[in-house]
Protein backbone atom coordinates (compact mmCIF):
# COMPACT_ATOMS: atom_id res chain seq x y z
CA MET A 1 7.97 7.10 -16.13
CA GLU A 2 6.36 9.79 -14.01
CA HIS A 3 7.13 8.39 -10.55
CA LYS A 4 9.75 6.04 -9.25
CA ALA A 5 8.65 5.25 -5.74
CA ARG A 6 9.49 2.98 -2.84
CA ILE A 7 6.35 0.90 -2.27
CA LEU A 8 5.67 -1.45 0.63
CA VAL A 9 3.35 -4.24 -0.53
CA VAL A 10 1.59 -6.16 2.25
CA GLN A 11 -0.12 -9.42 1.30
CA ASP A 12 -0.36 -12.65 3.30
CA ASP A 13 -1.04 -14.77 0.21
CA PRO A 14 2.35 -15.45 -1.46
CA VAL A 15 0.79 -15.91 -4.90
CA LEU A 16 -1.06 -12.58 -4.72
CA LEU A 17 2.04 -10.91 -3.27
CA GLY A 18 3.99 -12.07 -6.31
CA LEU A 19 1.31 -10.90 -8.72
CA VAL A 20 1.08 -7.44 -7.15
CA THR A 21 4.83 -6.90 -6.93
CA GLY A 22 5.29 -8.33 -10.41
CA SER A 23 2.80 -5.80 -11.77
CA LEU A 24 4.56 -2.84 -10.13
CA ARG A 25 8.25 -3.61 -10.66
CA PRO A 26 8.25 -3.03 -14.45
CA ASP A 27 7.30 0.60 -13.78
CA GLY A 28 10.64 1.03 -12.03
CA HIS A 29 9.33 1.12 -8.47
CA ASP A 30 11.46 -0.12 -5.59
CA ILE A 31 9.25 -2.77 -3.98
CA ILE A 32 9.51 -3.96 -0.40
CA GLU A 33 7.51 -7.12 0.33
CA ALA A 34 5.80 -7.91 3.65
CA SER A 35 3.99 -11.21 4.11
CA SER A 36 1.86 -9.84 6.96
CA PRO A 37 0.76 -6.52 8.45
CA LEU A 38 2.90 -7.24 11.53
CA GLU A 39 5.97 -7.57 9.30
CA ALA A 40 4.92 -4.30 7.63
CA LEU A 41 4.81 -2.59 11.04
CA SER A 42 8.39 -3.69 11.69
CA ILE A 43 9.55 -2.51 8.27
CA SER A 44 7.72 0.80 8.51
CA ALA A 45 9.23 1.48 11.94
CA LEU A 46 12.68 1.33 10.36
CA GLU A 47 12.00 2.85 6.95
CA PHE A 48 8.75 4.83 7.01
CA GLU A 49 10.46 8.05 5.92
CA ARG A 50 11.70 6.26 2.81
CA ILE A 51 8.36 4.64 1.91
CA ASP A 52 6.19 6.54 -0.58
CA LEU A 53 3.15 4.24 -0.62
CA ILE A 54 1.80 1.18 1.18
CA VAL A 55 -0.35 -1.25 -0.81
CA THR A 56 -2.19 -3.65 1.49
CA ALA A 57 -5.08 -6.08 1.54
CA VAL A 58 -8.02 -5.09 3.72
CA ASN A 59 -8.62 -8.72 4.76
CA SER A 60 -5.18 -9.78 5.89
CA ARG A 61 -4.01 -11.76 8.90
CA PRO A 62 -3.27 -11.67 11.81
CA ILE A 63 -4.50 -8.05 11.71
CA THR A 64 -6.43 -6.33 8.93
CA GLY A 65 -5.08 -3.70 6.59
CA ILE A 66 -7.39 -1.22 8.33
CA GLU A 67 -5.82 -2.06 11.70
CA LEU A 68 -2.38 -1.67 10.12
CA ALA A 69 -3.36 1.82 8.96
CA LYS A 70 -4.69 2.72 12.41
CA ARG A 71 -1.50 1.56 14.13
CA LEU A 72 0.68 3.47 11.69
CA THR A 73 -1.42 6.60 12.16
CA ARG A 74 -1.11 6.32 15.96
CA LYS A 75 2.67 6.11 15.53
CA GLY A 76 2.61 9.30 13.46
CA VAL A 77 3.41 7.57 10.17
CA GLU A 78 1.83 9.54 7.33
CA VAL A 79 2.26 7.36 4.27
CA PRO A 80 -0.49 7.12 1.64
CA MET A 81 -2.13 3.70 1.47
CA LEU A 82 -3.87 1.80 -1.28
CA PHE A 83 -6.24 -0.87 0.05
CA MET A 84 -7.04 -3.95 -2.02
CA ALA A 85 -10.62 -4.90 -1.09
CA ARG A 86 -13.42 -7.16 -2.26
CA SER A 87 -16.02 -4.60 -1.18
CA ARG A 88 -15.05 -1.12 -2.34
CA PRO A 89 -17.94 0.74 -0.60
CA LEU A 90 -17.24 -0.70 2.85
CA ALA A 91 -13.47 -0.35 2.54
CA GLY A 92 -13.92 3.16 1.16
CA VAL A 93 -15.92 4.28 4.19
CA ILE A 94 -13.37 2.84 6.60
CA ALA A 95 -10.37 4.03 4.62
CA GLY A 96 -11.86 7.49 4.15
CA SER A 97 -11.93 7.94 7.89
CA LEU A 98 -8.18 7.31 8.03
CA GLY A 99 -7.14 9.95 5.48
CA GLN A 100 -4.46 9.54 2.79
CA THR A 101 -6.01 6.34 1.47
CA ALA A 102 -7.51 4.90 -1.68
CA VAL A 103 -9.22 1.61 -2.53
CA ILE A 104 -8.95 -0.72 -5.51
CA GLU A 105 -11.65 -3.35 -5.80
CA GLU A 106 -10.67 -7.00 -6.26
CA PRO A 107 -10.35 -8.58 -8.71
CA PHE A 108 -8.27 -6.06 -10.64
CA THR A 109 -5.85 -6.20 -13.53
CA GLY A 110 -2.20 -5.27 -13.43
CA SER A 111 -2.92 -2.15 -15.47
CA GLU A 112 -5.70 -1.11 -13.07
CA LEU A 113 -3.32 -1.59 -10.14
CA ARG A 114 -0.57 0.45 -11.83
CA ALA A 115 -3.05 3.23 -12.60
CA SER A 116 -4.27 3.29 -8.99
CA VAL A 117 -0.69 3.40 -7.70
CA GLN A 118 0.20 6.27 -10.05
CA LYS A 119 -2.92 8.17 -8.92
CA CYS A 120 -1.99 7.68 -5.26
CA LEU A 121 1.57 8.84 -5.86
CA ALA A 122 0.46 11.87 -7.86
CA GLY A 123 -2.02 12.82 -5.15
CA HIS A 124 0.53 12.54 -2.35
CA PRO A 125 3.88 13.85 -3.58
CA ARG A 126 6.75 13.05 -1.25
CA LYS A 127 10.47 13.32 -1.48
CA GLN A 128 11.42 10.22 -3.42
CA GLY A 129 14.00 7.70 -2.29
CA GLY A 130 14.55 9.23 1.14
CA GLU A 131 16.66 12.06 -0.27
C-alpha cells in the first residue's frame, strides 16, 4: 500500500457513510466518521494536524461541503478535500476556487473512490499519522 492516511469522511446519509468508509478501510486508512459538516468542524478543530484528507459530500446538511471547506480555510486548516458531487463541472468550479480540492462524480464505484483518494494523497503529501 502506497499511503496509509487518516481520512475524515463527512456524509449525512448513514448508508452512504458506511459505503464510503467501507470502501476505504481495506486499504489500511484510519477513518474518522462525521455524520454532518458541523461535526466535522468540531473534529477538525481538535485533530486537523493529524488529518491527511477530508472526503465530503457537496450537498450535505445543515451546511454544504463547500461551506465546510470555506470555514476550514478561514480557520487556517489546509487539508486536501475530495468532494463527492452529482454535478462534477459545478462542484469543480467551486472547489477549484478553494484550492487543495478534487471532485468525484456520483455515482461512483469503490475502486473509483479509492483511486481518487490515492490521487489526492499523492498530490498533497503530508506527514502521516501526526508524527
